[in-house]
Amino acid sequence: MSRQIFQEENSWSRSYGVAEGARLCGATKIIGVDLNPDKFEVGKKFGVTEFVNAGDCGNKTVSQVIKEITGGGADYCFECVGLASLVQEAYASCRKISLVDLSTSLNKVHAVWCLSDH
């Protein structure tokens, strides 16, 4: 159980850092995703402007909801937990040509992939 708590706290501190970095770089729409809506209030302090509760999407996937909010998908997606299913969902949340940063989930110095239809 302590490992799960650590992973959750560790992933959210990375997430807050990603949100703050996006805000400092001029992002105007920063969407946080989690099952715990209380994290939105803390996320606002770091720049999160919108929140998607992954458990309240009805019959839609998180990526479908994000595509609706953004009008086609996010320009950049950052997956901070390290689960393969969330990496796939981050990829599905991107516009057709976007960047996905896997550096936080893979614990690499930098692993940014450019993804496109080609």
PDB file of N, CA and C in Angstrom:
ATOM      1  N   MET A   1       0.820  -1.190   0.000  1.00  0.00           N
ATOM      2  CA  MET A   1       0.000   0.000   0.000  1.00  0.00           C
ATOM      3  C   MET A   1       0.865   1.254   0.000  1.00  0.00           C
ATOM      4  N   SER A   2       1.970   1.259   0.743  1.00  0.00           N
ATOM      5  CA  SER A   2       2.801   2.452   0.782  1.00  0.00           C
ATOM      6  C   SER A   2       3.400   2.739  -0.593  1.00  0.00           C
ATOM      7  N   ARG A   3       3.690   1.707  -1.374  1.00  0.00           N
ATOM      8  CA  ARG A   3       4.208   1.927  -2.721  1.00  0.00           C
ATOM      9  C   ARG A   3       3.152   2.601  -3.589  1.00  0.00           C
ATOM     10  N   GLN A   4       1.906   2.179  -3.459  1.00  0.00           N
ATOM     11  CA  GLN A   4       0.837   2.787  -4.241  1.00  0.00           C
ATOM     12  C   GLN A   4       0.674   4.261  -3.877  1.00  0.00           C
ATOM     13  N   ILE A   5       0.701   4.578  -2.599  1.00  0.00           N
ATOM     14  CA  ILE A   5       0.588   5.971  -2.172  1.00  0.00           C
ATOM     15  C   ILE A   5       1.759   6.769  -2.701  1.00  0.00           C
ATOM     16  N   PHE A   6       2.975   6.211  -2.604  1.00  0.00           N
ATOM     17  CA  PHE A   6       4.149   6.902  -3.110  1.00  0.00           C
ATOM     18  C   PHE A   6       4.015   7.153  -4.605  1.00  0.00           C
ATOM     19  N   GLN A   7       3.575   6.133  -5.344  1.00  0.00           N
ATOM     20  CA  GLN A   7       3.445   6.290  -6.792  1.00  0.00           C
ATOM     21  C   GLN A   7       2.445   7.387  -7.104  1.00  0.00           C
ATOM     22  N   GLU A   8       1.328   7.406  -6.389  1.00  0.00           N
ATOM     23  CA  GLU A   8       0.320   8.415  -6.651  1.00  0.00           C
ATOM     24  C   GLU A   8       0.848   9.803  -6.320  1.00  0.00           C
ATOM     25  N   GLU A   9       1.475   9.966  -5.160  1.00  0.00           N
ATOM     26  CA  GLU A   9       2.012  11.276  -4.788  1.00  0.00           C
ATOM     27  C   GLU A   9       3.121  11.682  -5.733  1.00  0.00           C
ATOM     28  N   ASN A  10       3.982  10.737  -6.086  1.00  0.00           N
ATOM     29  CA  ASN A  10       5.092  11.029  -6.979  1.00  0.00           C
ATOM     30  C   ASN A  10       4.580  11.430  -8.354  1.00  0.00           C
ATOM     31  N   SER A  11       3.571  10.721  -8.865  1.00  0.00           N
ATOM     32  CA  SER A  11       3.058  11.059 -10.183  1.00  0.00           C
ATOM     33  C   SER A  11       2.360  12.412 -10.165  1.00  0.00           C
ATOM     34  N   TRP A  12       1.679  12.745  -9.073  1.00  0.00           N
ATOM     35  CA  TRP A  12       1.018  14.053  -9.028  1.00  0.00           C
ATOM     36  C   TRP A  12       2.014  15.172  -8.839  1.00  0.00           C
ATOM     37  N   SER A  13       3.110  14.958  -8.137  1.00  0.00           N
ATOM     38  CA  SER A  13       4.092  16.035  -8.061  1.00  0.00           C
ATOM     39  C   SER A  13       4.721  16.244  -9.430  1.00  0.00           C
ATOM     40  N   ARG A  14       4.915  15.176 -10.204  1.00  0.00           N
ATOM     41  CA  ARG A  14       5.394  15.346 -11.584  1.00  0.00           C
ATOM     42  C   ARG A  14       4.341  16.057 -12.413  1.00  0.00           C
ATOM     43  N   SER A  15       3.080  15.678 -12.218  1.00  0.00           N
ATOM     44  CA  SER A  15       1.993  16.301 -12.982  1.00  0.00           C
ATOM     45  C   SER A  15       1.900  17.785 -12.703  1.00  0.00           C
ATOM     46  N   TYR A  16       2.027  18.161 -11.431  1.00  0.00           N
ATOM     47  CA  TYR A  16       1.985  19.578 -11.096  1.00  0.00           C
ATOM     48  C   TYR A  16       3.152  20.311 -11.745  1.00  0.00           C
ATOM     49  N   GLY A  17       4.321  19.666 -11.775  1.00  0.00           N
ATOM     50  CA  GLY A  17       5.474  20.272 -12.432  1.00  0.00           C
ATOM     51  C   GLY A  17       5.251  20.444 -13.922  1.00  0.00           C
ATOM     52  N   VAL A  18       4.630  19.461 -14.549  1.00  0.00           N
ATOM     53  CA  VAL A  18       4.310  19.555 -15.981  1.00  0.00           C
ATOM     54  C   VAL A  18       3.328  20.698 -16.210  1.00  0.00           C
ATOM     55  N   ALA A  19       2.304  20.797 -15.358  1.00  0.00           N
ATOM     56  CA  ALA A  19       1.309  21.863 -15.509  1.00  0.00           C
ATOM     57  C   ALA A  19       1.959  23.230 -15.336  1.00  0.00           C
ATOM     58  N   GLU A  20       2.796  23.369 -14.333  1.00  0.00           N
ATOM     59  CA  GLU A  20       3.450  24.659 -14.105  1.00  0.00           C
ATOM     60  C   GLU A  20       4.388  25.003 -15.257  1.00  0.00           C
ATOM     61  N   GLY A  21       5.097  24.008 -15.762  1.00  0.00           N
ATOM     62  CA  GLY A  21       5.964  24.253 -16.918  1.00  0.00           C
ATOM     63  C   GLY A  21       5.177  24.691 -18.133  1.00  0.00           C
ATOM     64  N   ALA A  22       4.038  24.062 -18.366  1.00  0.00           N
ATOM     65  CA  ALA A  22       3.186  24.459 -19.495  1.00  0.00           C
ATOM     66  C   ALA A  22       2.678  25.881 -19.316  1.00  0.00           C
ATOM     67  N   ARG A  23       2.284  26.212 -18.097  1.00  0.00           N
ATOM     68  CA  ARG A  23       1.805  27.573 -17.808  1.00  0.00           C
ATOM     69  C   ARG A  23       2.917  28.589 -18.049  1.00  0.00           C
ATOM     70  N   LEU A  24       4.122  28.286 -17.566  1.00  0.00           N
ATOM     71  CA  LEU A  24       5.248  29.204 -17.741  1.00  0.00           C
ATOM     72  C   LEU A  24       5.633  29.374 -19.203  1.00  0.00           C
ATOM     73  N   CYS A  25       5.331  28.356 -20.017  1.00  0.00           N
ATOM     74  CA  CYS A  25       5.621  28.435 -21.455  1.00  0.00           C
ATOM     75  C   CYS A  25       4.489  29.081 -22.242  1.00  0.00           C
ATOM     76  N   GLY A  26       3.436  29.505 -21.562  1.00  0.00           N
ATOM     77  CA  GLY A  26       2.371  30.236 -22.231  1.00  0.00           C
ATOM     78  C   GLY A  26       1.139  29.438 -22.608  1.00  0.00           C
ATOM     79  N   ALA A  27       1.023  28.202 -22.151  1.00  0.00           N
ATOM     80  CA  ALA A  27      -0.178  27.420 -22.471  1.00  0.00           C
ATOM     81  C   ALA A  27      -1.394  28.099 -21.845  1.00  0.00           C
ATOM     82  N   THR A  28      -2.466  28.189 -22.609  1.00  0.00           N
ATOM     83  CA  THR A  28      -3.678  28.838 -22.109  1.00  0.00           C
ATOM     84  C   THR A  28      -4.727  27.833 -21.650  1.00  0.00           C
ATOM     85  N   LYS A  29      -4.649  26.597 -22.106  1.00  0.00           N
ATOM     86  CA  LYS A  29      -5.567  25.543 -21.691  1.00  0.00           C
ATOM     87  C   LYS A  29      -4.735  24.359 -21.231  1.00  0.00           C
ATOM     88  N   ILE A  30      -4.821  24.055 -19.941  1.00  0.00           N
ATOM     89  CA  ILE A  30      -4.073  22.947 -19.359  1.00  0.00           C
ATOM     90  C   ILE A  30      -5.086  22.034 -18.684  1.00  0.00           C
ATOM     91  N   ILE A  31      -5.197  20.815 -19.193  1.00  0.00           N
ATOM     92  CA  ILE A  31      -6.222  19.877 -18.729  1.00  0.00           C
ATOM     93  C   ILE A  31      -5.572  18.801 -17.864  1.00  0.00           C
ATOM     94  N   GLY A  32      -6.036  18.700 -16.627  1.00  0.00           N
ATOM     95  CA  GLY A  32      -5.588  17.647 -15.730  1.00  0.00           C
ATOM     96  C   GLY A  32      -6.572  16.497 -15.776  1.00  0.00           C
ATOM     97  N   VAL A  33      -6.077  15.279 -15.651  1.00  0.00           N
ATOM     98  CA  VAL A  33      -6.944  14.096 -15.664  1.00  0.00           C
ATOM     99  C   VAL A  33      -6.620  13.245 -14.444  1.00  0.00           C
ATOM    100  N   ASP A  34      -7.646  12.866 -13.692  1.00  0.00           N
ATOM    101  CA  ASP A  34      -7.462  11.987 -12.546  1.00  0.00           C
ATOM    102  C   ASP A  34      -8.811  11.436 -12.139  1.00  0.00           C
ATOM    103  N   LEU A  35      -8.798  10.462 -11.253  1.00  0.00           N
ATOM    104  CA  LEU A  35     -10.034   9.934 -10.686  1.00  0.00           C
ATOM    105  C   LEU A  35     -10.466  10.723  -9.452  1.00  0.00           C
ATOM    106  N   ASN A  36      -9.558  11.497  -8.882  1.00  0.00           N
ATOM    107  CA  ASN A  36      -9.828  12.256  -7.662  1.00  0.00           C
ATOM    108  C   ASN A  36     -10.043  13.728  -8.004  1.00  0.00           C
ATOM    109  N   PRO A  37     -11.277  14.224  -7.946  1.00  0.00           N
ATOM    110  CA  PRO A  37     -11.549  15.617  -8.306  1.00  0.00           C
ATOM    111  C   PRO A  37     -10.925  16.628  -7.346  1.00  0.00           C
ATOM    112  N   ASP A  38     -10.548  16.213  -6.138  1.00  0.00           N
ATOM    113  CA  ASP A  38      -9.910  17.138  -5.199  1.00  0.00           C
ATOM    114  C   ASP A  38      -8.566  17.635  -5.722  1.00  0.00           C
ATOM    115  N   LYS A  39      -7.943  16.867  -6.596  1.00  0.00           N
ATOM    116  CA  LYS A  39      -6.640  17.260  -7.128  1.00  0.00           C
ATOM    117  C   LYS A  39      -6.742  18.456  -8.074  1.00  0.00           C
ATOM    118  N   PHE A  40      -7.932  18.735  -8.581  1.00  0.00           N
ATOM    119  CA  PHE A  40      -8.121  19.883  -9.457  1.00  0.00           C
ATOM    120  C   PHE A  40      -7.848  21.177  -8.702  1.00  0.00           C
ATOM    121  N   GLU A  41      -8.311  21.268  -7.469  1.00  0.00           N
ATOM    122  CA  GLU A  41      -8.114  22.492  -6.681  1.00  0.00           C
ATOM    123  C   GLU A  41      -6.631  22.780  -6.483  1.00  0.00           C
ATOM    124  N   VAL A  42      -5.862  21.756  -6.173  1.00  0.00           N
ATOM    125  CA  VAL A  42      -4.414  21.940  -6.024  1.00  0.00           C
ATOM    126  C   VAL A  42      -3.799  22.244  -7.385  1.00  0.00           C
ATOM    127  N   GLY A  43      -4.245  21.528  -8.413  1.00  0.00           N
ATOM    128  CA  GLY A  43      -3.716  21.728  -9.761  1.00  0.00           C
ATOM    129  C   GLY A  43      -3.892  23.146 -10.267  1.00  0.00           C
ATOM    130  N   LYS A  44      -4.973  23.813  -9.866  1.00  0.00           N
ATOM    131  CA  LYS A  44      -5.208  25.198 -10.286  1.00  0.00           C
ATOM    132  C   LYS A  44      -4.053  26.114  -9.870  1.00  0.00           C
ATOM    133  N   LYS A  45      -3.455  25.827  -8.722  1.00  0.00           N
ATOM    134  CA  LYS A  45      -2.332  26.640  -8.241  1.00  0.00           C
ATOM    135  C   LYS A  45      -1.116  26.512  -9.145  1.00  0.00           C
ATOM    136  N   PHE A  46      -1.057  25.423  -9.901  1.00  0.00           N
ATOM    137  CA  PHE A  46       0.080  25.174 -10.784  1.00  0.00           C
ATOM    138  C   PHE A  46      -0.241  25.453 -12.248  1.00  0.00           C
ATOM    139  N   GLY A  47      -1.477  25.866 -12.534  1.00  0.00           N
ATOM    140  CA  GLY A  47      -1.820  26.236 -13.898  1.00  0.00           C
ATOM    141  C   GLY A  47      -2.887  25.399 -14.560  1.00  0.00           C
ATOM    142  N   VAL A  48      -3.377  24.341 -13.914  1.00  0.00           N
ATOM    143  CA  VAL A  48      -4.427  23.521 -14.522  1.00  0.00           C
ATOM    144  C   VAL A  48      -5.689  24.367 -14.661  1.00  0.00           C
ATOM    145  N   THR A  49      -6.214  24.446 -15.876  1.00  0.00           N
ATOM    146  CA  THR A  49      -7.387  25.281 -16.135  1.00  0.00           C
ATOM    147  C   THR A  49      -8.671  24.473 -16.243  1.00  0.00           C
ATOM    148  N   GLU A  50      -8.537  23.193 -16.590  1.00  0.00           N
ATOM    149  CA  GLU A  50      -9.707  22.321 -16.727  1.00  0.00           C
ATOM    150  C   GLU A  50      -9.349  20.951 -16.176  1.00  0.00           C
ATOM    151  N   PHE A  51     -10.382  20.209 -15.795  1.00  0.00           N
ATOM    152  CA  PHE A  51     -10.146  18.909 -15.184  1.00  0.00           C
ATOM    153  C   PHE A  51     -11.112  17.894 -15.764  1.00  0.00           C
ATOM    154  N   VAL A  52     -10.594  16.714 -16.070  1.00  0.00           N
ATOM    155  CA  VAL A  52     -11.422  15.601 -16.523  1.00  0.00           C
ATOM    156  C   VAL A  52     -11.316  14.513 -15.473  1.00  0.00           C
ATOM    157  N   ASN A  53     -12.450  14.148 -14.896  1.00  0.00           N
ATOM    158  CA  ASN A  53     -12.492  13.023 -13.969  1.00  0.00           C
ATOM    159  C   ASN A  53     -12.661  11.774 -14.819  1.00  0.00           C
ATOM    160  N   ALA A  54     -11.621  10.951 -14.840  1.00  0.00           N
ATOM    161  CA  ALA A  54     -11.628   9.767 -15.705  1.00  0.00           C
ATOM    162  C   ALA A  54     -12.748   8.798 -15.365  1.00  0.00           C
ATOM    163  N   GLY A  55     -13.278   8.880 -14.164  1.00  0.00           N
ATOM    164  CA  GLY A  55     -14.368   8.000 -13.766  1.00  0.00           C
ATOM    165  C   GLY A  55     -15.745   8.526 -14.118  1.00  0.00           C
ATOM    166  N   ASP A  56     -15.807   9.771 -14.579  1.00  0.00           N
ATOM    167  CA  ASP A  56     -17.098  10.402 -14.891  1.00  0.00           C
ATOM    168  C   ASP A  56     -17.269  10.712 -16.371  1.00  0.00           C
ATOM    169  N   CYS A  57     -16.665   9.932 -17.227  1.00  0.00           N
ATOM    170  CA  CYS A  57     -16.746  10.194 -18.673  1.00  0.00           C
ATOM    171  C   CYS A  57     -17.910   9.470 -19.333  1.00  0.00           C
ATOM    172  N   GLY A  58     -18.712   8.764 -18.553  1.00  0.00           N
ATOM    173  CA  GLY A  58     -19.839   8.027 -19.120  1.00  0.00           C
ATOM    174  C   GLY A  58     -19.352   6.934 -20.039  1.00  0.00           C
ATOM    175  N   ASN A  59     -19.916   6.902 -21.239  1.00  0.00           N
ATOM    176  CA  ASN A  59     -19.519   5.863 -22.196  1.00  0.00           C
ATOM    177  C   ASN A  59     -18.416   6.349 -23.139  1.00  0.00           C
ATOM    178  N   LYS A  60     -17.799   7.492 -22.826  1.00  0.00           N
ATOM    179  CA  LYS A  60     -16.695   8.021 -23.635  1.00  0.00           C
ATOM    180  C   LYS A  60     -15.368   7.707 -22.964  1.00  0.00           C
ATOM    181  N   THR A  61     -14.330   7.648 -23.775  1.00  0.00           N
ATOM    182  CA  THR A  61     -12.984   7.522 -23.230  1.00  0.00           C
ATOM    183  C   THR A  61     -12.483   8.912 -22.848  1.00  0.00           C
ATOM    184  N   VAL A  62     -11.449   8.958 -22.038  1.00  0.00           N
ATOM    185  CA  VAL A  62     -10.848  10.243 -21.671  1.00  0.00           C
ATOM    186  C   VAL A  62     -10.377  10.969 -22.922  1.00  0.00           C
ATOM    187  N   SER A  63      -9.801  10.239 -23.850  1.00  0.00           N
ATOM    188  CA  SER A  63      -9.303  10.883 -25.077  1.00  0.00           C
ATOM    189  C   SER A  63     -10.442  11.509 -25.886  1.00  0.00           C
ATOM    190  N   GLN A  64     -11.599  10.884 -25.908  1.00  0.00           N
ATOM    191  CA  GLN A  64     -12.746  11.472 -26.606  1.00  0.00           C
ATOM    192  C   GLN A  64     -13.175  12.773 -25.934  1.00  0.00           C
ATOM    193  N   VAL A  65     -13.193  12.778 -24.618  1.00  0.00           N
ATOM    194  CA  VAL A  65     -13.556  13.989 -23.880  1.00  0.00           C
ATOM    195  C   VAL A  65     -12.540  15.100 -24.146  1.00  0.00           C
ATOM    196  N   ILE A  66     -11.260  14.759 -24.114  1.00  0.00           N
ATOM    197  CA  ILE A  66     -10.221  15.765 -24.367  1.00  0.00           C
ATOM    198  C   ILE A  66     -10.316  16.295 -25.787  1.00  0.00           C
ATOM    199  N   LYS A  67     -10.594  15.439 -26.743  1.00  0.00           N
ATOM    200  CA  LYS A  67     -10.758  15.910 -28.130  1.00  0.00           C
ATOM    201  C   LYS A  67     -11.943  16.857 -28.252  1.00  0.00           C
ATOM    202  N   GLU A  68     -13.006  16.617 -27.496  1.00  0.00           N
ATOM    203  CA  GLU A  68     -14.148  17.526 -27.504  1.00  0.00           C
ATOM    204  C   GLU A  68     -13.781  18.877 -26.885  1.00  0.00           C
ATOM    205  N   ILE A  69     -13.081  18.843 -25.755  1.00  0.00           N
ATOM    206  CA  ILE A  69     -12.693  20.080 -25.065  1.00  0.00           C
ATOM    207  C   ILE A  69     -11.771  20.926 -25.926  1.00  0.00           C
ATOM    208  N   THR A  70     -10.850  20.267 -26.635  1.00  0.00           N
ATOM    209  CA  THR A  70      -9.812  20.979 -27.383  1.00  0.00           C
ATOM    210  C   THR A  70     -10.152  21.200 -28.851  1.00  0.00           C
ATOM    211  N   GLY A  71     -11.233  20.650 -29.302  1.00  0.00           N
ATOM    212  CA  GLY A  71     -11.570  20.793 -30.715  1.00  0.00           C
ATOM    213  C   GLY A  71     -10.697  19.964 -31.628  1.00  0.00           C
ATOM    214  N   GLY A  72     -10.356  18.749 -31.211  1.00  0.00           N
ATOM    215  CA  GLY A  72      -9.592  17.867 -32.088  1.00  0.00           C
ATOM    216  C   GLY A  72      -8.423  17.175 -31.428  1.00  0.00           C
ATOM    217  N   GLY A  73      -8.088  17.532 -30.215  1.00  0.00           N
ATOM    218  CA  GLY A  73      -6.976  16.889 -29.518  1.00  0.00           C
ATOM    219  C   GLY A  73      -5.982  17.897 -29.000  1.00  0.00           C
ATOM    220  N   ALA A  74      -5.235  17.483 -27.999  1.00  0.00           N
ATOM    221  CA  ALA A  74      -4.239  18.360 -27.387  1.00  0.00           C
ATOM    222  C   ALA A  74      -2.998  18.467 -28.264  1.00  0.00           C
ATOM    223  N   ASP A  75      -2.330  19.605 -28.184  1.00  0.00           N
ATOM    224  CA  ASP A  75      -1.074  19.788 -28.913  1.00  0.00           C
ATOM    225  C   ASP A  75       0.056  18.987 -28.273  1.00  0.00           C
ATOM    226  N   TYR A  76       0.055  18.920 -26.951  1.00  0.00           N
ATOM    227  CA  TYR A  76       1.071  18.187 -26.202  1.00  0.00           C
ATOM    228  C   TYR A  76       0.374  17.377 -25.117  1.00  0.00           C
ATOM    229  N   CYS A  77       0.823  16.148 -24.912  1.00  0.00           N
ATOM    230  CA  CYS A  77       0.290  15.303 -23.845  1.00  0.00           C
ATOM    231  C   CYS A  77       1.454  14.778 -23.017  1.00  0.00           C
ATOM    232  N   PHE A  78       1.288  14.800 -21.715  1.00  0.00           N
ATOM    233  CA  PHE A  78       2.303  14.320 -20.796  1.00  0.00           C
ATOM    234  C   PHE A  78       1.680  13.250 -19.912  1.00  0.00           C
ATOM    235  N   GLU A  79       2.235  12.073 -19.935  1.00  0.00           N
ATOM    236  CA  GLU A  79       1.747  10.966 -19.109  1.00  0.00           C
ATOM    237  C   GLU A  79       2.722  10.835 -17.945  1.00  0.00           C
ATOM    238  N   CYS A  80       2.220  10.987 -16.725  1.00  0.00           N
ATOM    239  CA  CYS A  80       3.099  11.065 -15.553  1.00  0.00           C
ATOM    240  C   CYS A  80       2.988   9.899 -14.596  1.00  0.00           C
ATOM    241  N   VAL A  81       2.150   8.919 -14.866  1.00  0.00           N
ATOM    242  CA  VAL A  81       1.954   7.806 -13.937  1.00  0.00           C
ATOM    243  C   VAL A  81       2.846   6.629 -14.294  1.00  0.00           C
ATOM    244  N   GLY A  82       2.956   6.312 -15.573  1.00  0.00           N
ATOM    245  CA  GLY A  82       3.809   5.213 -15.998  1.00  0.00           C
ATOM    246  C   GLY A  82       3.081   3.936 -16.341  1.00  0.00           C
ATOM    247  N   LEU A  83       1.781   4.012 -16.566  1.00  0.00           N
ATOM    248  CA  LEU A  83       1.013   2.836 -16.961  1.00  0.00           C
ATOM    249  C   LEU A  83       0.834   2.816 -18.472  1.00  0.00           C
ATOM    250  N   ALA A  84       1.025   1.649 -19.080  1.00  0.00           N
ATOM    251  CA  ALA A  84       0.930   1.526 -20.536  1.00  0.00           C
ATOM    252  C   ALA A  84      -0.431   1.990 -21.046  1.00  0.00           C
ATOM    253  N   SER A  85      -1.486   1.663 -20.334  1.00  0.00           N
ATOM    254  CA  SER A  85      -2.827   2.060 -20.780  1.00  0.00           C
ATOM    255  C   SER A  85      -2.977   3.580 -20.802  1.00  0.00           C
ATOM    256  N   LEU A  86      -2.309   4.269 -19.868  1.00  0.00           N
ATOM    257  CA  LEU A  86      -2.384   5.733 -19.835  1.00  0.00           C
ATOM    258  C   LEU A  86      -1.518   6.359 -20.923  1.00  0.00           C
ATOM    259  N   VAL A  87      -0.423   5.698 -21.260  1.00  0.00           N
ATOM    260  CA  VAL A  87       0.390   6.172 -22.388  1.00  0.00           C
ATOM    261  C   VAL A  87      -0.440   6.091 -23.669  1.00  0.00           C
ATOM    262  N   GLN A  88      -1.162   4.988 -23.844  1.00  0.00           N
ATOM    263  CA  GLN A  88      -2.021   4.837 -25.030  1.00  0.00           C
ATOM    264  C   GLN A  88      -3.122   5.894 -25.045  1.00  0.00           C
ATOM    265  N   GLU A  89      -3.690   6.182 -23.881  1.00  0.00           N
ATOM    266  CA  GLU A  89      -4.749   7.192 -23.802  1.00  0.00           C
ATOM    267  C   GLU A  89      -4.182   8.581 -24.086  1.00  0.00           C
ATOM    268  N   ALA A  90      -2.965   8.860 -23.614  1.00  0.00           N
ATOM    269  CA  ALA A  90      -2.317  10.142 -23.916  1.00  0.00           C
ATOM    270  C   ALA A  90      -2.095  10.277 -25.424  1.00  0.00           C
ATOM    271  N   TYR A  91      -1.625   9.211 -26.046  1.00  0.00           N
ATOM    272  CA  TYR A  91      -1.430   9.215 -27.495  1.00  0.00           C
ATOM    273  C   TYR A  91      -2.750   9.479 -28.216  1.00  0.00           C
ATOM    274  N   ALA A  92      -3.818   8.821 -27.770  1.00  0.00           N
ATOM    275  CA  ALA A  92      -5.132   8.992 -28.403  1.00  0.00           C
ATOM    276  C   ALA A  92      -5.705  10.386 -28.164  1.00  0.00           C
ATOM    277  N   SER A  93      -5.209  11.099 -27.147  1.00  0.00           N
ATOM    278  CA  SER A  93      -5.707  12.436 -26.825  1.00  0.00           C
ATOM    279  C   SER A  93      -5.060  13.522 -27.674  1.00  0.00           C
ATOM    280  N   CYS A  94      -4.007  13.174 -28.396  1.00  0.00           N
ATOM    281  CA  CYS A  94      -3.259  14.163 -29.187  1.00  0.00           C
ATOM    282  C   CYS A  94      -3.925  14.461 -30.518  1.00  0.00           C
ATOM    283  N   ARG A  95      -3.606  15.650 -31.022  1.00  0.00           N
ATOM    284  CA  ARG A  95      -3.980  15.969 -32.409  1.00  0.00           C
ATOM    285  C   ARG A  95      -3.233  15.000 -33.315  1.00  0.00           C
ATOM    286  N   LYS A  96      -3.567  14.994 -34.589  1.00  0.00           N
ATOM    287  CA  LYS A  96      -2.942  14.060 -35.530  1.00  0.00           C
ATOM    288  C   LYS A  96      -1.426  14.200 -35.540  1.00  0.00           C
ATOM    289  N   ILE A  97      -0.922  15.430 -35.440  1.00  0.00           N
ATOM    290  CA  ILE A  97       0.524  15.646 -35.367  1.00  0.00           C
ATOM    291  C   ILE A  97       0.785  16.401 -34.079  1.00  0.00           C
ATOM    292  N   SER A  98       1.322  15.716 -33.097  1.00  0.00           N
ATOM    293  CA  SER A  98       1.568  16.285 -31.779  1.00  0.00           C
ATOM    294  C   SER A  98       2.805  15.656 -31.175  1.00  0.00           C
ATOM    295  N   LEU A  99       3.126  16.086 -29.978  1.00  0.00           N
ATOM    296  CA  LEU A  99       4.237  15.512 -29.232  1.00  0.00           C
ATOM    297  C   LEU A  99       3.710  14.857 -27.973  1.00  0.00           C
ATOM    298  N   VAL A 100       4.252  13.711 -27.653  1.00  0.00           N
ATOM    299  CA  VAL A 100       3.952  13.043 -26.389  1.00  0.00           C
ATOM    300  C   VAL A 100       5.274  12.933 -25.649  1.00  0.00           C
ATOM    301  N   ASP A 101       5.317  13.410 -24.425  1.00  0.00           N
ATOM    302  CA  ASP A 101       6.525  13.339 -23.615  1.00  0.00           C
ATOM    303  C   ASP A 101       6.381  12.163 -22.669  1.00  0.00           C
ATOM    304  N   LEU A 102       7.222  11.170 -22.856  1.00  0.00           N
ATOM    305  CA  LEU A 102       7.198   9.985 -22.020  1.00  0.00           C
ATOM    306  C   LEU A 102       8.324  10.008 -20.999  1.00  0.00           C
ATOM    307  N   SER A 103       9.025  11.130 -20.907  1.00  0.00           N
ATOM    308  CA  SER A 103      10.204  11.172 -20.035  1.00  0.00           C
ATOM    309  C   SER A 103       9.833  10.972 -18.577  1.00  0.00           C
ATOM    310  N   THR A 104       8.672  11.460 -18.141  1.00  0.00           N
ATOM    311  CA  THR A 104       8.319  11.303 -16.741  1.00  0.00           C
ATOM    312  C   THR A 104       7.884   9.879 -16.442  1.00  0.00           C
ATOM    313  N   SER A 105       7.222   9.231 -17.391  1.00  0.00           N
ATOM    314  CA  SER A 105       6.758   7.879 -17.109  1.00  0.00           C
ATOM    315  C   SER A 105       7.850   6.839 -17.327  1.00  0.00           C
ATOM    316  N   LEU A 106       8.791   7.126 -18.176  1.00  0.00           N
ATOM    317  CA  LEU A 106       9.854   6.169 -18.451  1.00  0.00           C
ATOM    318  C   LEU A 106      11.100   6.432 -17.617  1.00  0.00           C
ATOM    319  N   ASN A 107      11.086   7.517 -16.834  1.00  0.00           N
ATOM    320  CA  ASN A 107      12.229   7.911 -16.007  1.00  0.00           C
ATOM    321  C   ASN A 107      13.503   8.056 -16.840  1.00  0.00           C
ATOM    322  N   LYS A 108      13.359   8.555 -18.029  1.00  0.00           N
ATOM    323  CA  LYS A 108      14.503   8.838 -18.892  1.00  0.00           C
ATOM    324  C   LYS A 108      14.761  10.334 -18.842  1.00  0.00           C
ATOM    325  N   VAL A 109      15.950  10.733 -19.233  1.00  0.00           N
ATOM    326  CA  VAL A 109      16.246  12.154 -19.260  1.00  0.00           C
ATOM    327  C   VAL A 109      15.349  12.852 -20.277  1.00  0.00           C
ATOM    328  N   HIS A 110      15.233  12.271 -21.448  1.00  0.00           N
ATOM    329  CA  HIS A 110      14.351  12.849 -22.453  1.00  0.00           C
ATOM    330  C   HIS A 110      13.952  11.768 -23.446  1.00  0.00           C
ATOM    331  N   ALA A 111      12.682  11.571 -23.617  1.00  0.00           N
ATOM    332  CA  ALA A 111      12.175  10.604 -24.574  1.00  0.00           C
ATOM    333  C   ALA A 111      10.932  11.199 -25.225  1.00  0.00           C
ATOM    334  N   VAL A 112      11.143  12.180 -26.082  1.00  0.00           N
ATOM    335  CA  VAL A 112      10.020  12.853 -26.740  1.00  0.00           C
ATOM    336  C   VAL A 112       9.883  12.275 -28.134  1.00  0.00           C
ATOM    337  N   TRP A 113       8.699  11.833 -28.457  1.00  0.00           N
ATOM    338  CA  TRP A 113       8.450  11.243 -29.767  1.00  0.00           C
ATOM    339  C   TRP A 113       7.537  12.150 -30.553  1.00  0.00           C
ATOM    340  N   CYS A 114       7.816  12.316 -31.826  1.00  0.00           N
ATOM    341  CA  CYS A 114       6.919  13.038 -32.720  1.00  0.00           C
ATOM    342  C   CYS A 114       6.019  12.006 -33.388  1.00  0.00           C
ATOM    343  N   LEU A 115       4.738  12.182 -33.242  1.00  0.00           N
ATOM    344  CA  LEU A 115       3.784  11.191 -33.738  1.00  0.00           C
ATOM    345  C   LEU A 115       2.956  11.783 -34.870  1.00  0.00           C
ATOM    346  N   SER A 116       2.777  11.016 -35.920  1.00  0.00           N
ATOM    347  CA  SER A 116       1.953  11.494 -37.023  1.00  0.00           C
ATOM    348  C   SER A 116       1.272  10.310 -37.699  1.00  0.00           C
ATOM    349  N   ASP A 117       0.451  10.609 -38.679  1.00  0.00           N
ATOM    350  CA  ASP A 117      -0.252   9.570 -39.410  1.00  0.00           C
ATOM    351  C   ASP A 117       0.640   8.809 -40.382  1.00  0.00           C
ATOM    352  N   HIS A 118       1.777   9.368 -40.732  1.00  0.00           N
ATOM    353  CA  HIS A 118       2.621   8.793 -41.790  1.00  0.00           C
ATOM    354  C   HIS A 118       3.438   7.646 -41.298  1.00  0.00           C
TER     355      HIS A 118
END
